[in-house]
Amino acid sequence: MNEEVPPGRATGRSLAGPDPLGGSTDVPVGRGADIPSPCTSVCKMSAATGWCEGCCRTIDEIIAWSKMADDDKRRVWQLLPARQRAVASAQAKKG
């Protein structure tokens, strides 16, 4: 069975299961431009976390993204599920 997968996305591999914020937790496996930006077009920095409220990246990660090496982009992607869980947990505690 051949499953069609968007370019740069892992096939059926998830780091942390469903993303509580509705995004994907798959780590891109492509090369160069094939590794998509995690940007969700909700570009607002959180003073509490220092992360973008949309993609959970730091401002330094956002600024450097287009010039990052593939391994660095993958490292950022690997950090995102834990950040997303932290945000969801903090939001749940606020009620």
N, C-alpha and C. Protein backbone atom coordinates (compact mmCIF):
# COMPACT_ATOMS: atom_id res chain seq x y z
N MET A 1 0.85 -1.17 0.00
CA MET A 1 0.00 0.00 0.00
C MET A 1 0.90 1.23 0.00
N ASN A 2 0.68 2.15 -0.93
CA ASN A 2 1.44 3.40 -1.01
C ASN A 2 0.61 4.53 -0.44
N GLU A 3 1.07 5.07 0.66
CA GLU A 3 0.37 6.18 1.30
C GLU A 3 1.01 7.47 0.81
N GLU A 4 0.20 8.39 0.32
CA GLU A 4 0.74 9.67 -0.14
C GLU A 4 1.02 10.54 1.07
N VAL A 5 2.24 11.07 1.14
CA VAL A 5 2.67 11.88 2.27
C VAL A 5 3.16 13.22 1.74
N PRO A 6 2.75 14.31 2.36
CA PRO A 6 3.24 15.61 1.92
C PRO A 6 4.76 15.65 1.95
N PRO A 7 5.39 16.35 1.01
CA PRO A 7 6.85 16.43 0.98
C PRO A 7 7.41 16.91 2.31
N GLY A 8 8.47 16.25 2.76
CA GLY A 8 9.16 16.68 3.96
C GLY A 8 8.55 16.20 5.26
N ARG A 9 7.52 15.38 5.20
CA ARG A 9 6.88 14.91 6.42
C ARG A 9 7.24 13.44 6.64
N ALA A 10 7.34 13.07 7.89
CA ALA A 10 7.62 11.67 8.23
C ALA A 10 6.38 10.84 7.94
N THR A 11 6.58 9.59 7.58
CA THR A 11 5.44 8.72 7.30
C THR A 11 5.05 7.98 8.57
N GLY A 12 3.92 8.37 9.14
CA GLY A 12 3.38 7.68 10.28
C GLY A 12 4.22 7.75 11.54
N ARG A 13 5.19 8.62 11.58
CA ARG A 13 6.05 8.72 12.76
C ARG A 13 5.66 9.95 13.55
N SER A 14 5.39 9.76 14.81
CA SER A 14 5.00 10.86 15.66
C SER A 14 5.83 10.84 16.91
N LEU A 15 6.27 12.00 17.35
CA LEU A 15 7.08 12.08 18.55
C LEU A 15 6.24 12.00 19.82
N ALA A 16 5.06 12.55 19.79
CA ALA A 16 4.32 12.65 21.04
C ALA A 16 2.83 12.43 20.88
N GLY A 17 2.40 11.85 19.80
CA GLY A 17 0.97 11.64 19.60
C GLY A 17 0.32 12.92 19.13
N PRO A 18 -0.99 13.02 19.27
CA PRO A 18 -1.70 14.19 18.78
C PRO A 18 -1.24 15.47 19.48
N ASP A 19 -1.11 16.50 18.73
CA ASP A 19 -0.71 17.80 19.26
C ASP A 19 -1.93 18.46 19.90
N PRO A 20 -1.83 18.84 21.17
CA PRO A 20 -2.98 19.45 21.83
C PRO A 20 -3.40 20.77 21.22
N LEU A 21 -2.53 21.39 20.43
CA LEU A 21 -2.88 22.66 19.80
C LEU A 21 -3.37 22.47 18.38
N GLY A 22 -3.48 21.20 17.93
CA GLY A 22 -4.05 20.93 16.63
C GLY A 22 -3.06 20.80 15.50
N GLY A 23 -1.77 20.96 15.74
CA GLY A 23 -0.77 20.83 14.69
C GLY A 23 -0.25 19.41 14.60
N SER A 24 0.82 19.24 13.88
CA SER A 24 1.43 17.93 13.70
C SER A 24 2.66 17.81 14.57
N THR A 25 2.89 16.61 15.08
CA THR A 25 4.09 16.38 15.86
C THR A 25 5.10 15.56 15.07
N ASP A 26 4.82 15.31 13.79
CA ASP A 26 5.76 14.59 12.95
C ASP A 26 7.00 15.43 12.70
N VAL A 27 8.16 14.79 12.78
CA VAL A 27 9.39 15.50 12.50
C VAL A 27 9.69 15.37 11.01
N PRO A 28 9.85 16.47 10.30
CA PRO A 28 10.15 16.41 8.88
C PRO A 28 11.45 15.66 8.63
N VAL A 29 11.48 14.89 7.55
CA VAL A 29 12.67 14.13 7.23
C VAL A 29 13.32 14.54 5.92
N GLY A 30 12.77 15.53 5.24
CA GLY A 30 13.30 15.96 3.95
C GLY A 30 14.63 16.67 4.06
N ARG A 31 15.11 17.15 2.96
CA ARG A 31 16.38 17.88 2.89
C ARG A 31 16.14 19.31 2.46
N GLY A 32 16.91 20.23 3.04
CA GLY A 32 16.90 21.63 2.62
C GLY A 32 15.53 22.26 2.65
N ALA A 33 15.11 22.78 1.52
CA ALA A 33 13.83 23.49 1.43
C ALA A 33 12.65 22.55 1.67
N ASP A 34 12.87 21.23 1.64
CA ASP A 34 11.79 20.29 1.89
C ASP A 34 11.36 20.27 3.35
N ILE A 35 12.19 20.78 4.25
CA ILE A 35 11.82 20.80 5.66
C ILE A 35 10.97 22.05 5.88
N PRO A 36 9.68 21.85 6.11
CA PRO A 36 8.79 23.01 6.21
C PRO A 36 8.98 23.78 7.51
N SER A 37 8.67 25.03 7.45
CA SER A 37 8.65 25.86 8.65
C SER A 37 7.46 25.45 9.49
N PRO A 38 7.60 25.45 10.81
CA PRO A 38 6.46 25.15 11.67
C PRO A 38 5.48 26.31 11.80
N CYS A 39 5.74 27.42 11.13
CA CYS A 39 4.91 28.62 11.24
C CYS A 39 3.45 28.29 10.95
N THR A 40 2.57 28.82 11.80
CA THR A 40 1.13 28.65 11.63
C THR A 40 0.43 29.96 11.31
N SER A 41 1.21 30.99 11.06
CA SER A 41 0.70 32.34 10.75
C SER A 41 -0.06 32.95 11.93
N VAL A 42 0.29 32.55 13.13
CA VAL A 42 -0.22 33.17 14.35
C VAL A 42 1.01 33.76 15.03
N CYS A 43 1.51 34.82 14.49
CA CYS A 43 2.82 35.34 14.89
C CYS A 43 2.69 36.35 16.04
N LYS A 44 2.70 35.81 17.25
CA LYS A 44 2.60 36.64 18.44
C LYS A 44 3.46 35.99 19.52
N MET A 45 4.43 36.73 20.03
CA MET A 45 5.33 36.18 21.04
C MET A 45 4.68 36.24 22.43
N SER A 46 4.83 35.16 23.17
CA SER A 46 4.31 35.09 24.53
C SER A 46 5.37 35.60 25.50
N ALA A 47 5.01 36.57 26.30
CA ALA A 47 5.94 37.09 27.31
C ALA A 47 6.21 36.03 28.38
N ALA A 48 5.23 35.17 28.64
CA ALA A 48 5.37 34.15 29.68
C ALA A 48 6.37 33.06 29.31
N THR A 49 6.37 32.65 28.04
CA THR A 49 7.22 31.53 27.62
C THR A 49 8.41 31.95 26.77
N GLY A 50 8.28 33.08 26.07
CA GLY A 50 9.31 33.47 25.11
C GLY A 50 9.16 32.75 23.78
N TRP A 51 8.05 32.03 23.60
CA TRP A 51 7.78 31.30 22.37
C TRP A 51 6.65 31.98 21.60
N CYS A 52 6.67 31.78 20.29
CA CYS A 52 5.56 32.24 19.46
C CYS A 52 4.31 31.47 19.88
N GLU A 53 3.19 32.16 20.00
CA GLU A 53 1.94 31.51 20.40
C GLU A 53 1.40 30.57 19.32
N GLY A 54 1.86 30.75 18.09
CA GLY A 54 1.40 29.88 17.01
C GLY A 54 2.25 28.64 16.82
N CYS A 55 3.57 28.81 16.75
CA CYS A 55 4.44 27.68 16.41
C CYS A 55 5.35 27.23 17.55
N CYS A 56 5.36 27.95 18.65
CA CYS A 56 6.16 27.61 19.84
C CYS A 56 7.67 27.69 19.61
N ARG A 57 8.09 28.48 18.61
CA ARG A 57 9.53 28.70 18.44
C ARG A 57 9.93 29.99 19.15
N THR A 58 11.22 30.08 19.49
CA THR A 58 11.76 31.32 20.04
C THR A 58 11.97 32.31 18.92
N ILE A 59 12.13 33.58 19.26
CA ILE A 59 12.37 34.59 18.23
C ILE A 59 13.68 34.30 17.49
N ASP A 60 14.69 33.81 18.21
CA ASP A 60 15.96 33.46 17.55
C ASP A 60 15.78 32.33 16.56
N GLU A 61 14.97 31.33 16.90
CA GLU A 61 14.71 30.22 15.97
C GLU A 61 13.95 30.71 14.74
N ILE A 62 13.00 31.60 14.95
CA ILE A 62 12.23 32.14 13.83
C ILE A 62 13.13 32.94 12.89
N ILE A 63 13.94 33.80 13.45
CA ILE A 63 14.83 34.64 12.65
C ILE A 63 15.83 33.79 11.86
N ALA A 64 16.37 32.76 12.49
CA ALA A 64 17.42 31.96 11.86
C ALA A 64 16.90 30.88 10.92
N TRP A 65 15.60 30.60 10.93
CA TRP A 65 15.06 29.44 10.23
C TRP A 65 15.54 29.32 8.79
N SER A 66 15.46 30.35 8.01
CA SER A 66 15.78 30.24 6.58
C SER A 66 17.26 29.94 6.32
N LYS A 67 18.11 30.18 7.30
CA LYS A 67 19.53 29.92 7.14
C LYS A 67 20.01 28.71 7.94
N MET A 68 19.11 28.08 8.67
CA MET A 68 19.48 26.93 9.51
C MET A 68 19.86 25.72 8.67
N ALA A 69 20.80 24.95 9.19
CA ALA A 69 21.13 23.66 8.60
C ALA A 69 19.96 22.70 8.85
N ASP A 70 19.84 21.68 8.00
CA ASP A 70 18.76 20.71 8.14
C ASP A 70 18.70 20.10 9.53
N ASP A 71 19.84 19.72 10.07
CA ASP A 71 19.86 19.11 11.41
C ASP A 71 19.34 20.06 12.47
N ASP A 72 19.65 21.35 12.32
CA ASP A 72 19.14 22.34 13.28
C ASP A 72 17.63 22.50 13.15
N LYS A 73 17.12 22.46 11.92
CA LYS A 73 15.67 22.54 11.72
C LYS A 73 14.98 21.34 12.35
N ARG A 74 15.56 20.17 12.17
CA ARG A 74 14.98 18.97 12.78
C ARG A 74 15.02 19.05 14.31
N ARG A 75 16.09 19.60 14.84
CA ARG A 75 16.19 19.76 16.30
C ARG A 75 15.07 20.65 16.81
N VAL A 76 14.82 21.75 16.11
CA VAL A 76 13.73 22.64 16.51
C VAL A 76 12.40 21.89 16.46
N TRP A 77 12.14 21.16 15.37
CA TRP A 77 10.91 20.39 15.26
C TRP A 77 10.77 19.41 16.43
N GLN A 78 11.88 18.82 16.86
CA GLN A 78 11.84 17.86 17.97
C GLN A 78 11.50 18.53 19.30
N LEU A 79 11.81 19.80 19.44
CA LEU A 79 11.51 20.53 20.67
C LEU A 79 10.04 20.96 20.77
N LEU A 80 9.39 21.08 19.64
CA LEU A 80 8.04 21.66 19.62
C LEU A 80 6.98 20.87 20.38
N PRO A 81 6.92 19.54 20.29
CA PRO A 81 5.85 18.83 21.02
C PRO A 81 5.89 19.10 22.53
N ALA A 82 7.06 19.11 23.13
CA ALA A 82 7.16 19.38 24.57
C ALA A 82 6.72 20.80 24.88
N ARG A 83 7.08 21.73 24.02
CA ARG A 83 6.66 23.12 24.23
C ARG A 83 5.14 23.24 24.10
N GLN A 84 4.57 22.55 23.10
CA GLN A 84 3.13 22.60 22.89
C GLN A 84 2.39 21.99 24.09
N ARG A 85 2.93 20.90 24.63
CA ARG A 85 2.31 20.30 25.82
C ARG A 85 2.39 21.25 27.01
N ALA A 86 3.51 21.94 27.16
CA ALA A 86 3.67 22.89 28.26
C ALA A 86 2.65 24.02 28.14
N VAL A 87 2.45 24.52 26.94
CA VAL A 87 1.47 25.59 26.72
C VAL A 87 0.06 25.08 27.03
N ALA A 88 -0.27 23.89 26.52
CA ALA A 88 -1.60 23.33 26.76
C ALA A 88 -1.83 23.09 28.25
N SER A 89 -0.82 22.63 28.95
CA SER A 89 -0.93 22.38 30.38
C SER A 89 -1.16 23.69 31.14
N ALA A 90 -0.42 24.71 30.77
CA ALA A 90 -0.57 26.02 31.44
C ALA A 90 -1.96 26.59 31.16
N GLN A 91 -2.46 26.41 29.94
CA GLN A 91 -3.79 26.90 29.61
C GLN A 91 -4.86 26.14 30.37
N ALA A 92 -4.67 24.85 30.55
CA ALA A 92 -5.65 24.02 31.28
C ALA A 92 -5.69 24.43 32.75
N LYS A 93 -4.54 24.77 33.31
CA LYS A 93 -4.49 25.18 34.71
C LYS A 93 -5.19 26.52 34.95
N LYS A 94 -5.15 27.38 33.91
CA LYS A 94 -5.84 28.68 34.03
C LYS A 94 -7.35 28.51 33.98
N GLY A 95 -7.77 27.42 33.34
CA GLY A 95 -9.19 27.09 33.27
C GLY A 95 -9.92 27.91 32.34
